[in-house]
Amino acid sequence: VGGDNAVLPEMHRQVVDVAGWMTNEQFAQTFAIAQAVPGPNVLIVTLIGWHVAGPAGALVTTLAMCGPTCVLAYVVGGIWHRFRYAKWRRAIQGGLVPLTIGLIAASGFLLAQGAARSLPTALYITLTALVLLFTRISPLWMLFGGGLLGLLRLI
């Protein structure tokens, strides 16, 4: 439900707060790198594993994140398809939508905290969140604006 972005706050808590393997800034930068490279969003897990334990850590974290979820998706997918017309299935799907949105929003908030290293950056993050929340402007325009401000060294 929500993929790795939904468990990002817990990953952050474990990696930054509990184990102390990374700082907030390092975590936010690792997330940015994982999003910038082509491939699945789950690359954040691989990069955290690499940071903590090198190639072996990257392999173990990737298998630990993908293995159980693949098996679960296979099993649940079969059951889900079998009951595609059941009323309870539609009720569960309707309940999972706000849950997923909340988990992903919590991830965004957590990453924003790690990225807000100065007042101008925090203000731009807040402005971006408000624009994206209350308008239909493409996020690419906000990304372009942030890049332009960064180029001008305003944030």
N, C-alpha and C. Protein backbone atom coordinates (compact mmCIF):
# COMPACT_ATOMS: atom_id res chain seq x y z
N VAL A 1 0.85 -1.17 0.00
CA VAL A 1 0.00 0.00 0.00
C VAL A 1 0.90 1.24 0.00
N GLY A 2 1.11 1.80 -1.18
CA GLY A 2 1.92 3.00 -1.28
C GLY A 2 3.38 2.74 -1.61
N GLY A 3 3.79 1.48 -1.64
CA GLY A 3 5.17 1.17 -1.99
C GLY A 3 6.16 1.63 -0.94
N ASP A 4 7.40 1.78 -1.37
CA ASP A 4 8.44 2.15 -0.42
C ASP A 4 8.26 3.57 0.12
N ASN A 5 7.59 4.44 -0.63
CA ASN A 5 7.34 5.79 -0.13
C ASN A 5 6.46 5.77 1.11
N ALA A 6 5.60 4.77 1.23
CA ALA A 6 4.73 4.69 2.40
C ALA A 6 5.50 4.27 3.65
N VAL A 7 6.58 3.53 3.49
CA VAL A 7 7.36 3.10 4.66
C VAL A 7 8.58 3.99 4.88
N LEU A 8 8.71 5.03 4.08
CA LEU A 8 9.86 5.93 4.20
C LEU A 8 10.00 6.54 5.60
N PRO A 9 8.91 6.99 6.24
CA PRO A 9 9.08 7.53 7.60
C PRO A 9 9.67 6.52 8.57
N GLU A 10 9.26 5.27 8.46
CA GLU A 10 9.82 4.25 9.36
C GLU A 10 11.27 3.95 9.00
N MET A 11 11.59 3.91 7.69
CA MET A 11 12.99 3.74 7.30
C MET A 11 13.83 4.87 7.88
N HIS A 12 13.33 6.10 7.76
CA HIS A 12 14.04 7.26 8.30
C HIS A 12 14.25 7.12 9.80
N ARG A 13 13.21 6.74 10.50
CA ARG A 13 13.31 6.59 11.96
C ARG A 13 14.37 5.58 12.32
N GLN A 14 14.36 4.45 11.64
CA GLN A 14 15.34 3.39 11.94
C GLN A 14 16.76 3.80 11.58
N VAL A 15 16.94 4.38 10.39
CA VAL A 15 18.28 4.69 9.89
C VAL A 15 18.87 5.93 10.55
N VAL A 16 18.05 6.96 10.77
CA VAL A 16 18.55 8.24 11.31
C VAL A 16 18.43 8.28 12.82
N ASP A 17 17.23 8.04 13.34
CA ASP A 17 16.99 8.23 14.77
C ASP A 17 17.46 7.07 15.63
N VAL A 18 17.17 5.84 15.21
CA VAL A 18 17.50 4.68 16.05
C VAL A 18 18.96 4.26 15.88
N ALA A 19 19.37 3.96 14.65
CA ALA A 19 20.72 3.45 14.43
C ALA A 19 21.77 4.55 14.26
N GLY A 20 21.36 5.72 13.81
CA GLY A 20 22.30 6.82 13.61
C GLY A 20 23.26 6.61 12.45
N TRP A 21 22.85 5.84 11.45
CA TRP A 21 23.72 5.56 10.30
C TRP A 21 23.81 6.74 9.34
N MET A 22 22.82 7.62 9.35
CA MET A 22 22.78 8.77 8.46
C MET A 22 22.21 9.96 9.22
N THR A 23 22.49 11.15 8.69
CA THR A 23 21.84 12.35 9.21
C THR A 23 20.57 12.61 8.40
N ASN A 24 19.76 13.56 8.85
CA ASN A 24 18.57 13.95 8.09
C ASN A 24 18.94 14.37 6.68
N GLU A 25 20.00 15.17 6.58
CA GLU A 25 20.42 15.68 5.28
C GLU A 25 20.89 14.55 4.36
N GLN A 26 21.67 13.62 4.91
CA GLN A 26 22.13 12.48 4.11
C GLN A 26 20.96 11.64 3.62
N PHE A 27 19.97 11.46 4.48
CA PHE A 27 18.80 10.68 4.09
C PHE A 27 18.04 11.36 2.96
N ALA A 28 17.84 12.68 3.10
CA ALA A 28 17.14 13.43 2.05
C ALA A 28 17.93 13.40 0.75
N GLN A 29 19.25 13.51 0.83
CA GLN A 29 20.08 13.46 -0.38
C GLN A 29 20.04 12.07 -1.01
N THR A 30 20.05 11.03 -0.20
CA THR A 30 19.96 9.67 -0.71
C THR A 30 18.64 9.46 -1.42
N PHE A 31 17.56 9.99 -0.85
CA PHE A 31 16.26 9.88 -1.49
C PHE A 31 16.27 10.61 -2.83
N ALA A 32 16.87 11.80 -2.86
CA ALA A 32 16.92 12.57 -4.11
C ALA A 32 17.69 11.81 -5.19
N ILE A 33 18.79 11.19 -4.81
CA ILE A 33 19.57 10.39 -5.77
C ILE A 33 18.74 9.22 -6.28
N ALA A 34 18.05 8.55 -5.37
CA ALA A 34 17.23 7.39 -5.76
C ALA A 34 16.12 7.80 -6.72
N GLN A 35 15.58 9.00 -6.55
CA GLN A 35 14.52 9.46 -7.43
C GLN A 35 15.06 9.95 -8.77
N ALA A 36 16.31 10.41 -8.77
CA ALA A 36 16.88 10.98 -9.99
C ALA A 36 17.31 9.92 -10.99
N VAL A 37 17.70 8.76 -10.50
CA VAL A 37 18.17 7.72 -11.43
C VAL A 37 16.98 6.94 -11.98
N PRO A 38 17.11 6.44 -13.19
CA PRO A 38 16.02 5.63 -13.74
C PRO A 38 15.86 4.34 -12.95
N GLY A 39 14.65 3.89 -12.87
CA GLY A 39 14.39 2.63 -12.18
C GLY A 39 13.31 2.79 -11.13
N PRO A 40 13.08 1.74 -10.38
CA PRO A 40 12.00 1.76 -9.39
C PRO A 40 12.35 2.63 -8.18
N ASN A 41 11.32 3.10 -7.49
CA ASN A 41 11.51 3.93 -6.30
C ASN A 41 12.23 3.19 -5.18
N VAL A 42 12.23 1.89 -5.23
CA VAL A 42 12.82 1.09 -4.17
C VAL A 42 14.35 1.24 -4.11
N LEU A 43 14.93 1.97 -5.04
CA LEU A 43 16.38 2.18 -5.03
C LEU A 43 16.86 2.87 -3.76
N ILE A 44 15.99 3.59 -3.08
CA ILE A 44 16.38 4.23 -1.82
C ILE A 44 16.88 3.18 -0.83
N VAL A 45 16.22 2.03 -0.82
CA VAL A 45 16.60 0.96 0.09
C VAL A 45 18.00 0.44 -0.26
N THR A 46 18.25 0.27 -1.54
CA THR A 46 19.55 -0.21 -2.00
C THR A 46 20.65 0.78 -1.62
N LEU A 47 20.38 2.07 -1.80
CA LEU A 47 21.38 3.09 -1.48
C LEU A 47 21.64 3.18 0.02
N ILE A 48 20.61 3.00 0.82
CA ILE A 48 20.81 2.98 2.28
C ILE A 48 21.67 1.78 2.65
N GLY A 49 21.36 0.63 2.08
CA GLY A 49 22.17 -0.57 2.35
C GLY A 49 23.61 -0.38 1.94
N TRP A 50 23.83 0.27 0.79
CA TRP A 50 25.19 0.53 0.31
C TRP A 50 25.92 1.47 1.28
N HIS A 51 25.22 2.49 1.75
CA HIS A 51 25.81 3.46 2.68
C HIS A 51 26.23 2.77 3.98
N VAL A 52 25.42 1.85 4.45
CA VAL A 52 25.67 1.22 5.74
C VAL A 52 26.69 0.10 5.65
N ALA A 53 26.59 -0.76 4.61
CA ALA A 53 27.43 -1.96 4.59
C ALA A 53 28.00 -2.29 3.22
N GLY A 54 28.07 -1.34 2.33
CA GLY A 54 28.69 -1.59 1.02
C GLY A 54 27.83 -2.47 0.13
N PRO A 55 28.47 -3.19 -0.81
CA PRO A 55 27.71 -4.01 -1.76
C PRO A 55 26.85 -5.09 -1.10
N ALA A 56 27.37 -5.71 -0.05
CA ALA A 56 26.58 -6.74 0.64
C ALA A 56 25.33 -6.12 1.26
N GLY A 57 25.46 -4.94 1.84
CA GLY A 57 24.31 -4.25 2.42
C GLY A 57 23.28 -3.88 1.38
N ALA A 58 23.77 -3.46 0.20
CA ALA A 58 22.85 -3.12 -0.88
C ALA A 58 22.05 -4.34 -1.31
N LEU A 59 22.70 -5.48 -1.43
CA LEU A 59 22.03 -6.71 -1.84
C LEU A 59 21.02 -7.17 -0.78
N VAL A 60 21.44 -7.18 0.46
CA VAL A 60 20.56 -7.66 1.54
C VAL A 60 19.33 -6.76 1.69
N THR A 61 19.53 -5.44 1.68
CA THR A 61 18.38 -4.55 1.86
C THR A 61 17.41 -4.65 0.69
N THR A 62 17.95 -4.79 -0.51
CA THR A 62 17.07 -4.90 -1.68
C THR A 62 16.25 -6.19 -1.62
N LEU A 63 16.91 -7.30 -1.30
CA LEU A 63 16.18 -8.57 -1.19
C LEU A 63 15.17 -8.54 -0.04
N ALA A 64 15.55 -7.92 1.07
CA ALA A 64 14.64 -7.86 2.22
C ALA A 64 13.41 -7.00 1.92
N MET A 65 13.58 -5.96 1.11
CA MET A 65 12.45 -5.09 0.77
C MET A 65 11.58 -5.71 -0.31
N CYS A 66 12.19 -6.34 -1.29
CA CYS A 66 11.44 -6.83 -2.45
C CYS A 66 10.91 -8.26 -2.29
N GLY A 67 11.67 -9.13 -1.65
CA GLY A 67 11.28 -10.54 -1.54
C GLY A 67 9.92 -10.77 -0.90
N PRO A 68 9.75 -10.35 0.35
CA PRO A 68 8.45 -10.59 1.01
C PRO A 68 7.28 -9.89 0.31
N THR A 69 7.50 -8.69 -0.19
CA THR A 69 6.40 -7.98 -0.84
C THR A 69 6.02 -8.64 -2.16
N CYS A 70 6.99 -9.20 -2.87
CA CYS A 70 6.66 -9.92 -4.11
C CYS A 70 5.81 -11.14 -3.83
N VAL A 71 6.18 -11.90 -2.80
CA VAL A 71 5.40 -13.09 -2.44
C VAL A 71 4.00 -12.67 -1.99
N LEU A 72 3.91 -11.65 -1.15
CA LEU A 72 2.62 -11.18 -0.68
C LEU A 72 1.75 -10.69 -1.84
N ALA A 73 2.35 -9.94 -2.76
CA ALA A 73 1.59 -9.43 -3.92
C ALA A 73 1.08 -10.58 -4.78
N TYR A 74 1.87 -11.61 -4.94
CA TYR A 74 1.46 -12.77 -5.74
C TYR A 74 0.27 -13.47 -5.09
N VAL A 75 0.36 -13.71 -3.79
CA VAL A 75 -0.71 -14.43 -3.08
C VAL A 75 -1.99 -13.58 -3.03
N VAL A 76 -1.86 -12.33 -2.61
CA VAL A 76 -3.02 -11.46 -2.48
C VAL A 76 -3.61 -11.16 -3.85
N GLY A 77 -2.76 -11.01 -4.87
CA GLY A 77 -3.25 -10.74 -6.22
C GLY A 77 -4.19 -11.82 -6.72
N GLY A 78 -3.85 -13.07 -6.44
CA GLY A 78 -4.73 -14.18 -6.83
C GLY A 78 -6.06 -14.13 -6.11
N ILE A 79 -6.02 -13.89 -4.83
CA ILE A 79 -7.25 -13.79 -4.04
C ILE A 79 -8.06 -12.58 -4.48
N TRP A 80 -7.37 -11.47 -4.67
CA TRP A 80 -8.03 -10.22 -5.07
C TRP A 80 -8.77 -10.39 -6.39
N HIS A 81 -8.16 -11.07 -7.33
CA HIS A 81 -8.79 -11.29 -8.63
C HIS A 81 -10.00 -12.21 -8.51
N ARG A 82 -9.88 -13.21 -7.68
CA ARG A 82 -10.98 -14.17 -7.51
C ARG A 82 -12.23 -13.49 -6.95
N PHE A 83 -12.07 -12.49 -6.12
CA PHE A 83 -13.21 -11.81 -5.50
C PHE A 83 -13.42 -10.41 -6.09
N ARG A 84 -13.16 -10.24 -7.38
CA ARG A 84 -13.21 -8.91 -8.00
C ARG A 84 -14.59 -8.26 -7.96
N TYR A 85 -15.65 -9.04 -7.80
CA TYR A 85 -17.00 -8.46 -7.77
C TYR A 85 -17.58 -8.39 -6.35
N ALA A 86 -16.81 -8.76 -5.37
CA ALA A 86 -17.31 -8.75 -3.98
C ALA A 86 -17.42 -7.33 -3.44
N LYS A 87 -18.47 -7.09 -2.66
CA LYS A 87 -18.67 -5.76 -2.08
C LYS A 87 -17.58 -5.42 -1.07
N TRP A 88 -17.12 -6.40 -0.31
CA TRP A 88 -16.10 -6.13 0.68
C TRP A 88 -14.80 -5.67 0.03
N ARG A 89 -14.54 -6.15 -1.18
CA ARG A 89 -13.31 -5.74 -1.88
C ARG A 89 -13.36 -4.25 -2.20
N ARG A 90 -14.49 -3.77 -2.69
CA ARG A 90 -14.62 -2.34 -3.00
C ARG A 90 -14.51 -1.50 -1.73
N ALA A 91 -15.03 -2.00 -0.62
CA ALA A 91 -14.93 -1.27 0.65
C ALA A 91 -13.47 -1.18 1.11
N ILE A 92 -12.74 -2.27 0.97
CA ILE A 92 -11.32 -2.27 1.35
C ILE A 92 -10.54 -1.31 0.46
N GLN A 93 -10.79 -1.36 -0.84
CA GLN A 93 -10.10 -0.46 -1.76
C GLN A 93 -10.39 0.99 -1.41
N GLY A 94 -11.64 1.31 -1.11
CA GLY A 94 -12.00 2.68 -0.74
C GLY A 94 -11.32 3.14 0.53
N GLY A 95 -11.14 2.23 1.48
CA GLY A 95 -10.46 2.57 2.73
C GLY A 95 -8.96 2.71 2.58
N LEU A 96 -8.38 1.98 1.63
CA LEU A 96 -6.93 2.05 1.44
C LEU A 96 -6.48 3.33 0.75
N VAL A 97 -7.35 3.97 0.00
CA VAL A 97 -6.96 5.19 -0.72
C VAL A 97 -6.53 6.29 0.25
N PRO A 98 -7.35 6.69 1.23
CA PRO A 98 -6.88 7.75 2.14
C PRO A 98 -5.69 7.32 2.99
N LEU A 99 -5.63 6.04 3.33
CA LEU A 99 -4.49 5.54 4.09
C LEU A 99 -3.20 5.70 3.30
N THR A 100 -3.24 5.33 2.04
CA THR A 100 -2.07 5.45 1.18
C THR A 100 -1.66 6.91 1.00
N ILE A 101 -2.62 7.78 0.78
CA ILE A 101 -2.32 9.20 0.62
C ILE A 101 -1.68 9.75 1.90
N GLY A 102 -2.19 9.36 3.05
CA GLY A 102 -1.62 9.81 4.32
C GLY A 102 -0.20 9.32 4.53
N LEU A 103 0.07 8.07 4.19
CA LEU A 103 1.43 7.53 4.35
C LEU A 103 2.41 8.24 3.42
N ILE A 104 2.00 8.49 2.20
CA ILE A 104 2.89 9.16 1.26
C ILE A 104 3.08 10.63 1.66
N ALA A 105 2.03 11.28 2.16
CA ALA A 105 2.17 12.66 2.64
C ALA A 105 3.12 12.73 3.82
N ALA A 106 3.09 11.74 4.70
CA ALA A 106 4.02 11.70 5.84
C ALA A 106 5.46 11.57 5.34
N SER A 107 5.65 10.81 4.29
CA SER A 107 6.99 10.68 3.70
C SER A 107 7.46 12.02 3.15
N GLY A 108 6.58 12.72 2.45
CA GLY A 108 6.94 14.02 1.91
C GLY A 108 7.30 15.01 3.01
N PHE A 109 6.56 15.00 4.09
CA PHE A 109 6.83 15.90 5.22
C PHE A 109 8.19 15.59 5.83
N LEU A 110 8.48 14.31 5.99
CA LEU A 110 9.75 13.89 6.56
C LEU A 110 10.92 14.33 5.68
N LEU A 111 10.80 14.15 4.38
CA LEU A 111 11.87 14.55 3.46
C LEU A 111 12.03 16.07 3.43
N ALA A 112 10.92 16.78 3.53
CA ALA A 112 11.00 18.25 3.54
C ALA A 112 11.77 18.73 4.77
N GLN A 113 11.58 18.08 5.89
CA GLN A 113 12.32 18.46 7.10
C GLN A 113 13.83 18.29 6.90
N GLY A 114 14.23 17.21 6.26
CA GLY A 114 15.65 16.96 6.02
C GLY A 114 16.24 17.89 4.98
N ALA A 115 15.41 18.35 4.05
CA ALA A 115 15.91 19.21 2.97
C ALA A 115 15.92 20.69 3.36
N ALA A 116 15.14 21.08 4.33
CA ALA A 116 15.04 22.49 4.72
C ALA A 116 16.23 22.87 5.60
N ARG A 117 17.34 23.19 4.96
CA ARG A 117 18.56 23.51 5.70
C ARG A 117 18.75 25.00 5.92
N SER A 118 17.91 25.81 5.32
CA SER A 118 18.00 27.26 5.50
C SER A 118 16.58 27.83 5.44
N LEU A 119 16.44 29.07 5.88
CA LEU A 119 15.12 29.71 5.85
C LEU A 119 14.58 29.84 4.42
N PRO A 120 15.39 30.30 3.44
CA PRO A 120 14.86 30.38 2.08
C PRO A 120 14.42 29.02 1.54
N THR A 121 15.16 27.97 1.85
CA THR A 121 14.78 26.64 1.38
C THR A 121 13.47 26.20 2.03
N ALA A 122 13.35 26.43 3.33
CA ALA A 122 12.12 26.08 4.03
C ALA A 122 10.93 26.84 3.47
N LEU A 123 11.13 28.12 3.15
CA LEU A 123 10.04 28.91 2.58
C LEU A 123 9.65 28.38 1.20
N TYR A 124 10.63 28.00 0.38
CA TYR A 124 10.31 27.48 -0.94
C TYR A 124 9.61 26.12 -0.84
N ILE A 125 10.01 25.30 0.10
CA ILE A 125 9.34 24.01 0.31
C ILE A 125 7.89 24.24 0.71
N THR A 126 7.67 25.17 1.63
CA THR A 126 6.31 25.48 2.07
C THR A 126 5.47 26.03 0.91
N LEU A 127 6.04 26.96 0.16
CA LEU A 127 5.34 27.52 -1.00
C LEU A 127 5.00 26.42 -2.01
N THR A 128 5.95 25.56 -2.28
CA THR A 128 5.73 24.46 -3.22
C THR A 128 4.61 23.55 -2.74
N ALA A 129 4.63 23.18 -1.47
CA ALA A 129 3.59 22.31 -0.93
C ALA A 129 2.22 22.96 -1.06
N LEU A 130 2.13 24.24 -0.75
CA LEU A 130 0.84 24.94 -0.84
C LEU A 130 0.36 25.04 -2.29
N VAL A 131 1.26 25.36 -3.21
CA VAL A 131 0.88 25.46 -4.62
C VAL A 131 0.40 24.11 -5.13
N LEU A 132 1.12 23.05 -4.79
CA LEU A 132 0.74 21.73 -5.28
C LEU A 132 -0.55 21.22 -4.63
N LEU A 133 -0.79 21.64 -3.40
CA LEU A 133 -1.98 21.21 -2.69
C LEU A 133 -3.24 21.91 -3.19
N PHE A 134 -3.12 23.20 -3.51
CA PHE A 134 -4.31 23.98 -3.83
C PHE A 134 -4.48 24.36 -5.30
N THR A 135 -3.56 23.96 -6.16
CA THR A 135 -3.70 24.27 -7.58
C THR A 135 -3.48 23.01 -8.41
N ARG A 136 -3.66 23.15 -9.69
CA ARG A 136 -3.42 22.04 -10.60
C ARG A 136 -2.14 22.27 -11.41
N ILE A 137 -1.27 23.14 -10.91
CA ILE A 137 0.00 23.41 -11.59
C ILE A 137 0.86 22.15 -11.55
N SER A 138 1.49 21.87 -12.67
CA SER A 138 2.35 20.70 -12.75
C SER A 138 3.52 20.82 -11.78
N PRO A 139 3.85 19.74 -11.07
CA PRO A 139 5.01 19.77 -10.17
C PRO A 139 6.31 20.09 -10.91
N LEU A 140 6.34 19.85 -12.20
CA LEU A 140 7.55 20.15 -12.97
C LEU A 140 7.86 21.64 -12.95
N TRP A 141 6.84 22.50 -12.90
CA TRP A 141 7.08 23.94 -12.82
C TRP A 141 7.73 24.31 -11.50
N MET A 142 7.31 23.67 -10.43
CA MET A 142 7.92 23.94 -9.13
C MET A 142 9.35 23.42 -9.10
N LEU A 143 9.58 22.28 -9.72
CA LEU A 143 10.94 21.74 -9.82
C LEU A 143 11.82 22.69 -10.63
N PHE A 144 11.29 23.20 -11.74
CA PHE A 144 12.02 24.15 -12.56
C PHE A 144 12.33 25.42 -11.75
N GLY A 145 11.34 25.92 -11.00
CA GLY A 145 11.55 27.11 -10.18
C GLY A 145 12.62 26.89 -9.12
N GLY A 146 12.59 25.75 -8.48
CA GLY A 146 13.61 25.44 -7.46
C GLY A 146 14.99 25.35 -8.08
N GLY A 147 15.06 24.73 -9.26
CA GLY A 147 16.35 24.65 -9.96
C GLY A 147 16.86 26.03 -10.34
N LEU A 148 15.97 26.87 -10.79
CA LEU A 148 16.35 28.23 -11.18
C LEU A 148 16.82 29.03 -9.97
N LEU A 149 16.10 28.93 -8.86
CA LEU A 149 16.51 29.62 -7.63
C LEU A 149 17.86 29.10 -7.13
N GLY A 150 18.04 27.79 -7.23
CA GLY A 150 19.32 27.20 -6.84
C GLY A 150 20.45 27.68 -7.72
N LEU A 151 20.17 27.79 -9.02
CA LEU A 151 21.17 28.27 -9.96
C LEU A 151 21.56 29.71 -9.63
N LEU A 152 20.58 30.49 -9.23
CA LEU A 152 20.84 31.88 -8.86
C LEU A 152 21.35 31.99 -7.42
N ARG A 153 21.45 30.86 -6.73
CA ARG A 153 21.92 30.76 -5.35
C ARG A 153 21.05 31.54 -4.36
N LEU A 154 19.75 31.51 -4.64
CA LEU A 154 18.82 32.19 -3.74
C LEU A 154 18.29 31.26 -2.66
N ILE A 155 18.44 29.95 -2.87
CA ILE A 155 18.03 29.01 -1.82
C ILE A 155 19.15 28.02 -1.59
